[in-house]
Protein backbone atom coordinates (compact mmCIF):
# COMPACT_ATOMS: atom_id res chain seq x y z
CA UNK A 1 32.87 12.26 -58.63
CA UNK A 2 35.69 11.91 -56.13
CA UNK A 3 35.03 9.79 -53.08
CA UNK A 4 34.71 11.41 -49.66
CA UNK A 5 37.82 9.53 -48.56
CA UNK A 6 39.77 10.87 -51.57
CA UNK A 7 38.62 14.43 -50.85
CA UNK A 8 39.59 14.07 -47.19
CA UNK A 9 43.00 12.72 -48.16
CA UNK A 10 43.57 15.66 -50.52
CA UNK A 11 42.43 18.10 -47.85
CA UNK A 12 44.73 16.50 -45.24
CA UNK A 13 47.60 16.64 -47.73
CA UNK A 14 46.84 20.29 -48.46
CA UNK A 15 46.82 21.08 -44.73
CA UNK A 16 50.30 19.53 -44.45
CA UNK A 17 51.47 21.62 -47.40
CA UNK A 18 50.11 24.75 -45.67
CA UNK A 19 52.00 23.81 -42.48
CA UNK A 20 55.19 23.26 -44.47
CA UNK A 21 54.80 26.71 -46.04
CA UNK A 22 54.00 28.35 -42.68
CA UNK A 23 57.05 26.64 -41.18
CA UNK A 24 59.30 28.03 -43.94
CA UNK A 25 57.90 31.55 -43.62
CA UNK A 26 58.08 31.56 -39.81
CA UNK A 27 61.67 30.29 -40.04
CA UNK A 28 62.62 33.14 -42.36
CA UNK A 29 60.81 36.11 -40.80
CA UNK A 30 59.36 34.97 -37.47
CA UNK A 31 55.75 34.91 -36.44
CA UNK A 32 55.41 38.63 -35.86
CA UNK A 33 56.64 39.61 -39.34
CA UNK A 34 54.91 36.76 -41.20
CA UNK A 35 51.62 37.40 -42.94
CA UNK A 36 48.82 35.09 -44.00
CA UNK A 37 49.19 36.40 -47.56
CA UNK A 38 52.91 35.51 -47.58
CA UNK A 39 52.16 31.98 -46.38
CA UNK A 40 49.41 31.67 -49.03
CA UNK A 41 51.87 32.75 -51.74
CA UNK A 42 54.46 30.29 -50.43
CA UNK A 43 52.01 27.39 -50.75
CA UNK A 44 50.48 28.66 -53.99
CA UNK A 45 46.94 29.31 -52.85
CA UNK A 46 44.65 32.24 -52.23
CA UNK A 47 44.40 33.77 -48.78
CA UNK A 48 40.73 32.66 -48.40
CA UNK A 49 41.75 29.17 -49.54
CA UNK A 50 44.49 29.05 -46.91
CA UNK A 51 42.12 30.30 -44.20
CA UNK A 52 39.75 27.47 -45.10
CA UNK A 53 42.39 25.07 -43.76
CA UNK A 54 43.63 27.16 -40.81
CA UNK A 55 41.57 30.02 -39.43
CA UNK A 56 44.52 32.26 -38.55
CA UNK A 57 48.27 32.70 -38.54
CA UNK A 58 48.25 31.70 -34.87
CA UNK A 59 46.39 28.47 -35.67
CA UNK A 60 49.15 27.64 -38.18
CA UNK A 61 51.88 28.40 -35.63
CA UNK A 62 50.24 26.18 -33.04
CA UNK A 63 49.84 23.36 -35.58
CA UNK A 64 53.52 23.61 -36.53
CA UNK A 65 54.41 23.39 -32.81
CA UNK A 66 52.16 20.35 -32.34
CA UNK A 67 53.88 18.57 -35.20
CA UNK A 68 57.32 19.41 -33.77
CA UNK A 69 56.35 18.44 -30.22
CA UNK A 70 54.90 15.10 -31.39
CA UNK A 71 58.31 14.05 -32.68
CA UNK A 72 59.90 14.77 -29.29
CA UNK A 73 57.05 12.97 -27.49
CA UNK A 74 57.51 9.93 -29.73
CA UNK A 75 61.14 9.75 -28.62
CA UNK A 76 60.72 10.61 -24.91
CA UNK A 77 57.32 9.06 -24.16
CA UNK A 78 57.57 6.47 -21.40
CA UNK A 79 61.31 6.89 -20.84
CA UNK A 80 62.67 7.37 -17.34
CA UNK A 81 66.00 8.02 -15.62
CA UNK A 82 68.97 7.35 -17.90
CA UNK A 83 66.76 6.39 -20.85
CA UNK A 84 65.11 9.83 -20.70
CA UNK A 85 68.53 11.49 -20.88
CA UNK A 86 69.47 9.24 -23.79
CA UNK A 87 66.25 10.36 -25.46
CA UNK A 88 67.32 13.99 -25.11
CA UNK A 89 70.61 13.11 -26.80
CA UNK A 90 68.69 11.31 -29.57
CA UNK A 91 66.57 14.42 -30.19
CA UNK A 92 69.77 16.48 -30.49
CA UNK A 93 71.20 13.89 -32.88
CA UNK A 94 68.12 14.03 -35.09
CA UNK A 95 68.19 17.83 -35.03
CA UNK A 96 71.72 17.83 -36.50
CA UNK A 97 70.19 17.60 -39.98
CA UNK A 98 67.13 19.75 -39.32
CA UNK A 99 68.59 23.22 -39.63
CA UNK A 100 65.30 24.87 -40.67
CA UNK A 101 63.49 23.31 -37.72
CA UNK A 102 66.09 24.67 -35.31
CA UNK A 103 65.99 28.07 -37.02
CA UNK A 104 62.16 28.12 -36.75
CA UNK A 105 62.27 27.19 -33.09
CA UNK A 106 65.02 29.72 -32.27
CA UNK A 107 63.34 32.61 -34.11
CA UNK A 108 59.97 31.98 -32.45
CA UNK A 109 61.57 31.37 -29.02
CA UNK A 110 63.29 34.74 -29.26
CA UNK A 111 60.06 36.50 -30.19
CA UNK A 112 58.13 34.66 -27.48
CA UNK A 113 60.20 36.21 -24.70
CA UNK A 114 57.83 39.17 -25.02
CA UNK A 115 54.89 38.61 -22.62
CA UNK A 116 52.39 39.80 -25.23
CA UNK A 117 53.57 37.33 -27.91
CA UNK A 118 50.89 34.68 -28.60
CA UNK A 119 53.43 31.86 -28.04
CA UNK A 120 54.83 33.29 -24.77
CA UNK A 121 52.75 31.07 -22.48
CA UNK A 122 53.40 28.01 -24.62
CA UNK A 123 57.16 28.50 -24.41
CA UNK A 124 57.05 29.20 -20.68
CA UNK A 125 55.03 26.02 -20.09
CA UNK A 126 57.25 24.02 -22.43
CA UNK A 127 60.42 25.11 -20.58
CA UNK A 128 58.79 24.37 -17.21
CA UNK A 129 57.77 20.89 -18.42
CA UNK A 130 61.15 19.95 -19.89
CA UNK A 131 62.97 21.17 -16.77
CA UNK A 132 60.53 19.20 -14.59
CA UNK A 133 60.89 16.00 -16.66
CA UNK A 134 64.69 16.29 -16.81
CA UNK A 135 64.83 17.00 -13.07
CA UNK A 136 62.71 13.88 -12.49
CA UNK A 137 65.16 11.83 -14.55
CA UNK A 138 68.04 13.10 -12.40
CA UNK A 139 66.05 12.44 -9.20
CA UNK A 140 65.38 8.88 -10.39
CA UNK A 141 69.08 8.45 -11.13
CA UNK A 142 69.96 9.72 -7.64
CA UNK A 143 67.62 7.08 -6.15
CA UNK A 144 69.40 4.45 -8.24
CA UNK A 145 72.81 5.66 -7.04
CA UNK A 146 73.81 6.80 -10.54
CA UNK A 147 73.99 10.54 -9.91
CA UNK A 148 77.30 12.04 -8.75
CA UNK A 149 77.48 13.07 -5.11
CA UNK A 150 76.37 16.66 -4.53
CA UNK A 151 74.54 17.10 -7.85
CA UNK A 152 71.27 18.98 -7.42
CA UNK A 153 68.71 17.47 -9.86
CA UNK A 154 66.98 20.80 -10.53
CA UNK A 155 70.26 22.64 -11.16
CA UNK A 156 71.41 19.81 -13.43
CA UNK A 157 68.11 19.96 -15.36
CA UNK A 158 68.33 23.73 -15.84
CA UNK A 159 71.94 23.34 -16.93
CA UNK A 160 70.97 20.72 -19.53
CA UNK A 161 68.07 22.74 -20.95
CA UNK A 162 70.30 25.81 -21.11
CA UNK A 163 72.99 23.76 -22.83
CA UNK A 164 70.59 22.61 -25.54
CA UNK A 165 69.33 26.13 -26.17
CA UNK A 166 72.85 27.53 -26.33
CA UNK A 167 74.18 24.74 -28.54
CA UNK A 168 71.40 25.37 -31.03
CA UNK A 169 72.37 29.05 -31.28
CA UNK A 170 76.06 28.23 -31.72
CA UNK A 171 75.24 25.58 -34.32
CA UNK A 172 72.98 27.93 -36.28
CA UNK A 173 75.80 30.48 -36.30
CA UNK A 174 78.17 27.85 -37.74
CA UNK A 175 80.58 27.74 -34.83
CA UNK A 176 83.14 25.09 -35.91
CA UNK A 177 83.15 21.78 -34.10
CA UNK A 178 79.60 21.83 -32.74
CA UNK A 179 78.05 18.38 -32.52
CA UNK A 180 74.85 19.00 -30.60
CA UNK A 181 74.27 15.38 -29.65
CA UNK A 182 77.83 14.61 -28.58
CA UNK A 183 78.24 17.93 -26.77
CA UNK A 184 74.94 17.34 -24.96
CA UNK A 185 75.88 13.76 -24.07
CA UNK A 186 79.25 14.88 -22.72
CA UNK A 187 77.63 17.64 -20.64
CA UNK A 188 75.09 15.27 -19.05
CA UNK A 189 77.76 12.63 -18.50
CA UNK A 190 79.42 14.98 -16.03
CA UNK A 191 76.45 14.54 -13.67
CA UNK A 192 76.44 10.73 -13.77
CA UNK A 193 78.41 7.86 -12.28
CA UNK A 194 77.45 5.52 -15.15
CA UNK A 195 78.00 5.72 -18.90
CA UNK A 196 75.37 7.65 -20.81
């Protein structure tokens, strides 16, 4: 008889496999066109077996987002002013070899512009939060005398978030010469009086 701990470990591993499969399917066809049966086939289980681990397609989407957001939080957590901006560059650097993650995010972000999409509110709140946190970093830099004269922290934050989103699209479409981290660093550097 397997131990409870062993069964839990297998179940946790299976949940991760389900998330990996959901991630791949969502990256290929988006949330709207994905089906629970397609995700089940991708992971090699029955649909009822899959629903034992996650009760719905939406639950899988939210779990994939949580996993993605945790990575960003691990990098940005506790950082302020210039260190926060360096953290954003670090996220872009790490994303340079995560093409499927960027494709997943971009596909779902596009779908979520529709107000009736289940991830619409999540994306809206996520964008509001990242703009707010980036604006705070620029405000802190202004207080430290490290922000160029005349730079509006909110406008700079919106510009940076827009830059990341646009760079990801260009990179996914194989525009030559895109280096998301370096392009992002160079863009933010234009707002600062110190080296980023």
